[in-house]
C-alpha atoms as a PDB file:
ATOM      1  CA  MET A   1     239.966 207.319 353.401  1.00  0.00           C
ATOM      2  CA  PRO A   2     237.691 206.943 356.784  1.00  0.00           C
ATOM      3  CA  LYS A   3     235.515 203.871 356.537  1.00  0.00           C
ATOM      4  CA  TYR A   4     232.546 203.346 358.122  1.00  0.00           C
ATOM      5  CA  GLU A   5     230.267 200.246 359.652  1.00  0.00           C
ATOM      6  CA  GLY A   6     226.827 199.926 360.434  1.00  0.00           C
ATOM      7  CA  LEU A   7     224.245 197.252 360.428  1.00  0.00           C
ATOM      8  CA  THR A   8     223.088 198.055 357.059  1.00  0.00           C
ATOM      9  CA  VAL A   9     224.879 200.057 353.937  1.00  0.00           C
ATOM     10  CA  ASP A  10     222.602 202.917 354.721  1.00  0.00           C
ATOM     11  CA  GLU A  11     223.323 203.218 358.085  1.00  0.00           C
ATOM     12  CA  ALA A  12     226.894 203.309 357.496  1.00  0.00           C
ATOM     13  CA  ILE A  13     226.415 205.526 354.850  1.00  0.00           C
ATOM     14  CA  GLN A  14     224.474 207.800 357.536  1.00  0.00           C
ATOM     15  CA  LYS A  15     226.964 207.402 360.161  1.00  0.00           C
ATOM     16  CA  GLY A  16     229.935 208.752 357.769  1.00  0.00           C
ATOM     17  CA  LEU A  17     227.882 211.568 356.665  1.00  0.00           C
ATOM     18  CA  SER A  18     226.906 212.843 359.881  1.00  0.00           C
ATOM     19  CA  HIS A  19     230.489 212.453 361.471  1.00  0.00           C
ATOM     20  CA  LEU A  20     231.610 214.461 358.288  1.00  0.00           C
ATOM     21  CA  MET A  21     229.001 216.517 358.927  1.00  0.00           C
ATOM     22  CA  LEU A  22     228.256 216.477 354.915  1.00  0.00           C
ATOM     23  CA  SER A  23     225.208 215.639 352.756  1.00  0.00           C
ATOM     24  CA  GLU A  24     224.590 212.545 350.591  1.00  0.00           C
ATOM     25  CA  ASN A  25     225.707 214.819 347.294  1.00  0.00           C
ATOM     26  CA  GLN A  26     228.620 216.615 348.607  1.00  0.00           C
ATOM     27  CA  VAL A  27     230.656 212.988 349.002  1.00  0.00           C
ATOM     28  CA  GLU A  28     231.728 210.163 347.120  1.00  0.00           C
ATOM     29  CA  ILE A  29     230.732 206.822 348.504  1.00  0.00           C
ATOM     30  CA  THR A  30     232.343 203.526 347.923  1.00  0.00           C
ATOM     31  CA  ILE A  31     230.930 200.413 349.291  1.00  0.00           C
ATOM     32  CA  ILE A  32     233.280 198.156 350.620  1.00  0.00           C
ATOM     33  CA  SER A  33     230.954 195.203 351.587  1.00  0.00           C
ATOM     34  CA  GLU A  34     227.493 194.838 352.035  1.00  0.00           C
ATOM     35  CA  GLU A  35     225.929 193.285 355.495  1.00  0.00           C
ATOM     36  CA  LYS A  36     225.679 189.672 356.139  1.00  0.00           C
ATOM     37  CA  LYS A  37     222.795 188.015 358.171  1.00  0.00           C
ATOM     38  CA  GLY A  38     224.691 184.862 358.783  1.00  0.00           C
ATOM     39  CA  PHE A  39     223.052 181.731 359.979  1.00  0.00           C
ATOM     40  CA  LEU A  40     221.869 181.098 363.883  1.00  0.00           C
ATOM     41  CA  GLY A  41     223.651 184.062 364.901  1.00  0.00           C
ATOM     42  CA  PHE A  42     227.116 183.034 363.263  1.00  0.00           C
ATOM     43  CA  GLY A  43     229.347 184.523 360.324  1.00  0.00           C
ATOM     44  CA  LYS A  44     227.102 187.780 360.614  1.00  0.00           C
ATOM     45  CA  LYS A  45     228.916 190.855 359.335  1.00  0.00           C
ATOM     46  CA  GLU A  46     228.220 194.301 359.326  1.00  0.00           C
ATOM     47  CA  ALA A  47     228.107 196.676 356.242  1.00  0.00           C
ATOM     48  CA  SER A  48     231.256 199.090 355.324  1.00  0.00           C
ATOM     49  CA  VAL A  49     231.948 201.884 353.250  1.00  0.00           C
ATOM     50  CA  ASN A  50     234.365 204.292 352.373  1.00  0.00           C
ATOM     51  CA  ILE A  51     233.116 208.212 352.098  1.00  0.00           C
ATOM     52  CA  SER A  52     235.928 210.538 350.792  1.00  0.00           C
ATOM     53  CA  PRO A  53     234.649 214.589 349.853  1.00  0.00           C
ATOM     54  CA  LEU A  54     234.213 215.817 346.062  1.00  0.00           C
ATOM     55  CA  GLU A  55     236.422 218.585 344.854  1.00  0.00           C
ATOM     56  CA  GLU A  56     235.417 222.373 345.710  1.00  0.00           C
ATOM     57  CA  ASN A  57     233.848 223.128 342.475  1.00  0.00           C
ATOM     58  CA  ASN A  58     231.103 220.748 342.974  1.00  0.00           C
ATOM     59  CA  MET A  59     230.249 221.571 346.226  1.00  0.00           C
ATOM     60  CA  THR A  60     230.161 225.268 346.177  1.00  0.00           C
ATOM     61  CA  SER A  61     226.597 226.084 345.940  1.00  0.00           C
ATOM     62  CA  GLU A  62     226.023 223.474 348.657  1.00  0.00           C
ATOM     63  CA  VAL A  63     228.784 224.928 350.829  1.00  0.00           C
ATOM     64  CA  THR A  64     227.115 228.143 350.562  1.00  0.00           C
ATOM     65  CA  ARG A  65     223.531 227.038 351.260  1.00  0.00           C
ATOM     66  CA  ASP A  66     224.822 225.310 354.444  1.00  0.00           C
ATOM     67  CA  GLN A  67     226.238 228.326 355.447  1.00  0.00           C
ATOM     68  CA  GLU A  68     223.369 230.488 355.067  1.00  0.00           C
ATOM     69  CA  ILE A  69     221.366 227.658 357.110  1.00  0.00           C
ATOM     70  CA  THR A  70     223.984 227.022 359.807  1.00  0.00           C
ATOM     71  CA  GLN A  71     225.445 230.144 360.829  1.00  0.00           C
ATOM     72  CA  LYS A  72     222.338 231.737 361.742  1.00  0.00           C
ATOM     73  CA  PRO A  73     221.757 229.517 364.608  1.00  0.00           C
ATOM     74  CA  LEU A  74     225.373 229.558 365.301  1.00  0.00           C
ATOM     75  CA  LEU A  75     225.148 233.310 366.286  1.00  0.00           C
ATOM     76  CA  GLU A  76     222.047 232.467 368.272  1.00  0.00           C
ATOM     77  CA  LYS A  77     223.065 229.519 370.206  1.00  0.00           C
ATOM     78  CA  GLU A  78     226.573 230.603 371.152  1.00  0.00           C
ATOM     79  CA  LYS A  79     226.548 231.770 374.634  1.00  0.00           C
ATOM     80  CA  ASN A  80     229.765 232.800 376.919  1.00  0.00           C
ATOM     81  CA  GLU A  81     230.888 230.437 379.416  1.00  0.00           C
ATOM     82  CA  GLN A  82     229.254 232.060 382.290  1.00  0.00           C
ATOM     83  CA  GLY A  83     225.976 231.575 380.946  1.00  0.00           C
ATOM     84  CA  SER A  84     224.838 234.956 380.801  1.00  0.00           C
ATOM     85  CA  GLY A  85     222.865 234.381 377.414  1.00  0.00           C
ATOM     86  CA  GLU A  86     224.974 237.121 375.399  1.00  0.00           C
ATOM     87  CA  LEU A  87     226.139 235.905 371.930  1.00  0.00           C
ATOM     88  CA  VAL A  88     229.637 235.833 371.669  1.00  0.00           C
ATOM     89  CA  ALA A  89     231.865 238.375 369.368  1.00  0.00           C
ATOM     90  CA  VAL A  90     232.415 237.915 366.058  1.00  0.00           C
ATOM     91  CA  GLY A  91     236.123 237.145 366.626  1.00  0.00           C
ATOM     92  CA  ALA A  92     235.360 234.813 369.077  1.00  0.00           C
ATOM     93  CA  ILE A  93     233.139 232.848 367.273  1.00  0.00           C
ATOM     94  CA  ASP A  94     236.158 232.425 364.565  1.00  0.00           C
ATOM     95  CA  GLU A  95     238.512 231.590 367.277  1.00  0.00           C
ATOM     96  CA  GLN A  96     236.627 228.788 368.386  1.00  0.00           C
ATOM     97  CA  ALA A  97     235.857 227.369 364.941  1.00  0.00           C
ATOM     98  CA  ILE A  98     239.680 227.181 364.389  1.00  0.00           C
ATOM     99  CA  ARG A  99     239.891 225.546 367.472  1.00  0.00           C
ATOM    100  CA  GLN A 100     236.957 223.173 366.738  1.00  0.00           C
ATOM    101  CA  LEU A 101     238.430 222.190 363.388  1.00  0.00           C
ATOM    102  CA  GLU A 102     242.187 221.575 365.178  1.00  0.00           C
ATOM    103  CA  THR A 103     240.275 218.842 367.138  1.00  0.00           C
ATOM    104  CA  TYR A 104     238.558 217.594 364.368  1.00  0.00           C
ATOM    105  CA  LEU A 105     241.404 217.043 362.231  1.00  0.00           C
ATOM    106  CA  THR A 106     242.951 215.059 365.162  1.00  0.00           C
ATOM    107  CA  THR A 107     240.263 212.804 365.432  1.00  0.00           C
ATOM    108  CA  ILE A 108     239.791 212.415 361.475  1.00  0.00           C
ATOM    109  CA  THR A 109     243.549 211.198 361.690  1.00  0.00           C
ATOM    110  CA  LYS A 110     243.255 209.252 364.329  1.00  0.00           C
ATOM    111  CA  GLU A 111     240.129 207.352 362.717  1.00  0.00           C
ATOM    112  CA  MET A 112     242.336 206.823 359.366  1.00  0.00           C
ATOM    113  CA  GLY A 113     245.105 204.792 361.704  1.00  0.00           C
ATOM    114  CA  VAL A 114     247.793 207.801 361.351  1.00  0.00           C
ATOM    115  CA  PRO A 115     247.288 209.682 364.378  1.00  0.00           C
ATOM    116  CA  ALA A 116     249.044 213.171 364.032  1.00  0.00           C
ATOM    117  CA  VAL A 117     249.816 216.017 366.101  1.00  0.00           C
ATOM    118  CA  VAL A 118     247.917 218.960 364.890  1.00  0.00           C
ATOM    119  CA  THR A 119     249.186 222.782 365.300  1.00  0.00           C
ATOM    120  CA  PHE A 120     248.032 225.910 363.008  1.00  0.00           C
ATOM    121  CA  ASP A 121     249.196 229.068 362.420  1.00  0.00           C
ATOM    122  CA  ARG A 122     246.830 232.140 361.182  1.00  0.00           C
ATOM    123  CA  ILE A 123     247.634 235.103 359.217  1.00  0.00           C
ATOM    124  CA  GLY A 124     244.893 237.037 358.594  1.00  0.00           C
ATOM    125  CA  ASN A 125     242.081 234.905 357.280  1.00  0.00           C
ATOM    126  CA  SER A 126     244.339 232.227 356.155  1.00  0.00           C
ATOM    127  CA  ILE A 127     244.874 229.491 358.530  1.00  0.00           C
ATOM    128  CA  THR A 128     247.452 227.008 358.097  1.00  0.00           C
ATOM    129  CA  TYR A 129     247.201 223.655 360.025  1.00  0.00           C
ATOM    130  CA  LYS A 130     250.295 221.339 360.224  1.00  0.00           C
ATOM    131  CA  LEU A 131     250.123 217.576 360.901  1.00  0.00           C
ATOM    132  CA  GLU A 132     252.778 215.593 362.388  1.00  0.00           C
ATOM    133  CA  SER A 133     252.871 211.913 362.028  1.00  0.00           C
ATOM    134  CA  ASP A 134     255.567 208.841 362.136  1.00  0.00           C
ATOM    135  CA  LYS A 135     253.666 208.328 358.593  1.00  0.00           C
ATOM    136  CA  PRO A 136     253.379 211.354 356.590  1.00  0.00           C
ATOM    137  CA  GLY A 137     253.304 209.423 353.463  1.00  0.00           C
ATOM    138  CA  MET A 138     249.810 208.058 354.437  1.00  0.00           C
ATOM    139  CA  LEU A 139     248.381 211.545 355.375  1.00  0.00           C
ATOM    140  CA  ILE A 140     249.725 212.760 351.605  1.00  0.00           C
ATOM    141  CA  GLY A 141     248.646 210.133 349.626  1.00  0.00           C
ATOM    142  CA  LYS A 142     249.800 209.126 346.094  1.00  0.00           C
ATOM    143  CA  HIS A 143     249.841 212.717 344.173  1.00  0.00           C
ATOM    144  CA  GLY A 144     248.974 214.256 347.445  1.00  0.00           C
ATOM    145  CA  LYS A 145     245.159 213.141 346.887  1.00  0.00           C
ATOM    146  CA  LEU A 146     244.570 212.181 350.295  1.00  0.00           C
ATOM    147  CA  LEU A 147     245.869 215.656 351.675  1.00  0.00           C
ATOM    148  CA  ASN A 148     243.831 217.734 349.092  1.00  0.00           C
ATOM    149  CA  ALA A 149     241.009 215.513 350.211  1.00  0.00           C
ATOM    150  CA  ILE A 150     241.600 216.229 354.096  1.00  0.00           C
ATOM    151  CA  GLN A 151     242.152 219.813 353.011  1.00  0.00           C
ATOM    152  CA  TYR A 152     239.011 220.243 350.914  1.00  0.00           C
ATOM    153  CA  LEU A 153     237.228 218.306 353.976  1.00  0.00           C
ATOM    154  CA  ALA A 154     238.644 221.183 356.860  1.00  0.00           C
ATOM    155  CA  GLN A 155     237.456 223.915 354.239  1.00  0.00           C
ATOM    156  CA  VAL A 156     233.853 223.072 354.217  1.00  0.00           C
ATOM    157  CA  TYR A 157     233.992 222.678 357.697  1.00  0.00           C
ATOM    158  CA  ILE A 158     235.740 225.962 359.052  1.00  0.00           C
ATOM    159  CA  HIS A 159     233.103 227.523 356.325  1.00  0.00           C
ATOM    160  CA  ARG A 160     230.002 226.149 358.595  1.00  0.00           C
ATOM    161  CA  MET A 161     231.478 226.796 361.881  1.00  0.00           C
ATOM    162  CA  ALA A 162     233.476 230.488 361.291  1.00  0.00           C
ATOM    163  CA  GLU A 163     231.276 233.607 360.925  1.00  0.00           C
ATOM    164  CA  SER A 164     234.199 234.975 358.975  1.00  0.00           C
ATOM    165  CA  LYS A 165     235.677 233.722 355.470  1.00  0.00           C
ATOM    166  CA  LEU A 166     238.314 231.971 356.234  1.00  0.00           C
ATOM    167  CA  THR A 167     241.103 229.767 354.237  1.00  0.00           C
ATOM    168  CA  VAL A 168     242.440 226.834 355.300  1.00  0.00           C
ATOM    169  CA  ILE A 169     245.731 224.992 354.135  1.00  0.00           C
ATOM    170  CA  ILE A 170     246.831 221.532 355.345  1.00  0.00           C
ATOM    171  CA  ASN A 171     250.215 220.750 355.340  1.00  0.00           C
ATOM    172  CA  VAL A 172     252.110 217.587 356.134  1.00  0.00           C
ATOM    173  CA  GLY A 173     256.156 218.408 356.892  1.00  0.00           C
ATOM    174  CA  ASP A 174     257.309 220.579 353.947  1.00  0.00           C
ATOM    175  CA  TYR A 175     254.845 218.895 351.426  1.00  0.00           C
ATOM    176  CA  ARG A 176     253.013 222.377 350.059  1.00  0.00           C
ATOM    177  CA  GLU A 177     255.959 223.719 349.759  1.00  0.00           C
ATOM    178  CA  ARG A 178     257.934 221.145 347.634  1.00  0.00           C
ATOM    179  CA  ARG A 179     254.447 220.849 345.620  1.00  0.00           C
ATOM    180  CA  GLU A 180     253.995 224.487 345.097  1.00  0.00           C
ATOM    181  CA  SER A 181     257.970 224.219 343.368  1.00  0.00           C
ATOM    182  CA  ALA A 182     256.800 221.251 341.400  1.00  0.00           C
ATOM    183  CA  LEU A 183     253.950 223.428 340.065  1.00  0.00           C
ATOM    184  CA  GLN A 184     255.895 226.591 339.328  1.00  0.00           C
ATOM    185  CA  ARG A 185     258.554 224.030 337.306  1.00  0.00           C
ATOM    186  CA  LEU A 186     255.244 222.517 335.426  1.00  0.00           C
ATOM    187  CA  ALA A 187     254.185 225.746 334.295  1.00  0.00           C
ATOM    188  CA  PHE A 188     257.155 226.781 332.953  1.00  0.00           C
ATOM    189  CA  ASP A 189     258.389 223.694 331.368  1.00  0.00           C
ATOM    190  CA  THR A 190     254.725 223.352 329.814  1.00  0.00           C
ATOM    191  CA  ALA A 191     254.698 227.016 328.582  1.00  0.00           C
ATOM    192  CA  LYS A 192     258.149 226.089 327.027  1.00  0.00           C
ATOM    193  CA  THR A 193     257.003 223.146 325.039  1.00  0.00           C
ATOM    194  CA  VAL A 194     253.670 225.101 323.794  1.00  0.00           C
ATOM    195  CA  LYS A 195     255.513 227.685 322.383  1.00  0.00           C
ATOM    196  CA  LYS A 196     257.849 225.577 320.776  1.00  0.00           C
ATOM    197  CA  THR A 197     255.553 222.989 319.174  1.00  0.00           C
ATOM    198  CA  LYS A 198     252.654 225.921 318.870  1.00  0.00           C
ATOM    199  CA  ARG A 199     250.184 223.159 320.111  1.00  0.00           C
ATOM    200  CA  PRO A 200     248.154 222.965 323.157  1.00  0.00           C
ATOM    201  CA  VAL A 201     249.050 220.925 326.435  1.00  0.00           C
ATOM    202  CA  PHE A 202     246.618 218.969 328.646  1.00  0.00           C
ATOM    203  CA  LEU A 203     247.346 218.716 331.939  1.00  0.00           C
ATOM    204  CA  ASP A 204     246.407 215.827 334.397  1.00  0.00           C
ATOM    205  CA  PRO A 205     243.803 216.417 336.570  1.00  0.00           C
ATOM    206  CA  MET A 206     244.169 218.666 339.744  1.00  0.00           C
ATOM    207  CA  PRO A 207     242.120 220.085 342.331  1.00  0.00           C
ATOM    208  CA  SER A 208     241.172 224.051 341.682  1.00  0.00           C
ATOM    209  CA  PHE A 209     243.799 225.640 344.054  1.00  0.00           C
ATOM    210  CA  GLU A 210     246.611 224.186 342.227  1.00  0.00           C
ATOM    211  CA  ARG A 211     245.129 224.931 338.752  1.00  0.00           C
ATOM    212  CA  LYS A 212     244.757 228.782 339.963  1.00  0.00           C
ATOM    213  CA  LYS A 213     248.446 228.625 340.922  1.00  0.00           C
ATOM    214  CA  ILE A 214     249.754 227.803 337.493  1.00  0.00           C
ATOM    215  CA  HIS A 215     247.082 230.085 335.927  1.00  0.00           C
ATOM    216  CA  ALA A 216     248.861 232.985 338.024  1.00  0.00           C
ATOM    217  CA  ILE A 217     252.337 231.971 337.076  1.00  0.00           C
ATOM    218  CA  LEU A 218     251.812 231.793 333.325  1.00  0.00           C
ATOM    219  CA  ALA A 219     249.190 235.042 333.467  1.00  0.00           C
ATOM    220  CA  LYS A 220     251.956 237.241 332.133  1.00  0.00           C
ATOM    221  CA  ASP A 221     252.947 235.297 329.024  1.00  0.00           C
ATOM    222  CA  LYS A 222     251.226 237.062 326.051  1.00  0.00           C
ATOM    223  CA  ALA A 223     252.149 234.038 324.270  1.00  0.00           C
ATOM    224  CA  ILE A 224     250.129 231.698 326.275  1.00  0.00           C
ATOM    225  CA  LYS A 225     246.653 231.199 327.718  1.00  0.00           C
ATOM    226  CA  THR A 226     245.182 228.886 330.233  1.00  0.00           C
ATOM    227  CA  HIS A 227     241.881 227.141 330.765  1.00  0.00           C
ATOM    228  CA  SER A 228     240.220 224.388 332.826  1.00  0.00           C
ATOM    229  CA  GLU A 229     238.079 221.611 330.913  1.00  0.00           C
ATOM    230  CA  GLY A 230     236.173 218.912 332.428  1.00  0.00           C
ATOM    231  CA  ASP A 231     234.360 217.668 335.196  1.00  0.00           C
ATOM    232  CA  GLU A 232     235.185 217.669 339.095  1.00  0.00           C
ATOM    233  CA  PRO A 233     237.232 215.719 340.383  1.00  0.00           C
ATOM    234  CA  PHE A 234     238.667 215.119 336.919  1.00  0.00           C
ATOM    235  CA  ARG A 235     238.701 218.660 335.826  1.00  0.00           C
ATOM    236  CA  TYR A 236     242.414 219.432 333.904  1.00  0.00           C
ATOM    237  CA  LEU A 237     243.942 222.602 332.364  1.00  0.00           C
ATOM    238  CA  VAL A 238     244.706 223.339 328.948  1.00  0.00           C
ATOM    239  CA  VAL A 239     247.926 225.653 327.984  1.00  0.00           C
ATOM    240  CA  GLU A 240     247.371 226.754 324.618  1.00  0.00           C
ATOM    241  CA  TYR A 241     249.933 229.010 321.917  1.00  0.00           C
ATOM    242  CA  VAL A 242     248.510 232.437 321.665  1.00  0.00           C
ATOM    243  CA  LYS A 243     249.842 234.171 318.304  1.00  0.00           C
ATOM    244  CA  ILE A 244     251.408 237.420 319.087  1.00  0.00           C
ATOM    245  CA  LEU A 245     251.090 239.973 316.164  1.00  0.00           C
END
């Protein structure tokens, strides 16, 4: 989780918000330490905060509003390299945004103390960024929470910068593939338990894109229905039995 410092707590927060290109209601702020004035110039210490993006559902309206505000100036300001003043083609704006995000992810991982080589593949409007590091576990985090936060941050970034609606996936090694297999097993095992006991099962909180995967996996099972409850970032999935007449 990126850490930011400043002469005061407010200054540290503003530095972080400016760097992440997010507003205060789009992030979770944890104060690590407040500033210390010291005595006669000794013992002075800057304030320090951690800032992480909130889950997607909390920020959908903010992202949409920011897109409306940001995209128009972007179209007006983009120039070609020759400086002719002509607007760059929409496809060129998307490609530029994708390249800028590649640089942004490189910077973010470096500041986290886990520098990574960033590459990407694009299929249609889906872009997968692969992060290669000597310490992959530190980029993934417990239960993938840190990787999910980086992915959400990347999605917000691309929404701001690109003209098209692009989907971003951030992967470290084969984590996403392994996680998808784990979600499939979880979905089928949960459905089996629900049909056996006729009682609902409440799964652990997970990000919206993972909940959607389980929704999709169980959608064809007529004896099962699913829905989400709770507020982000603690929103969870409920799997229930449906009596078949």
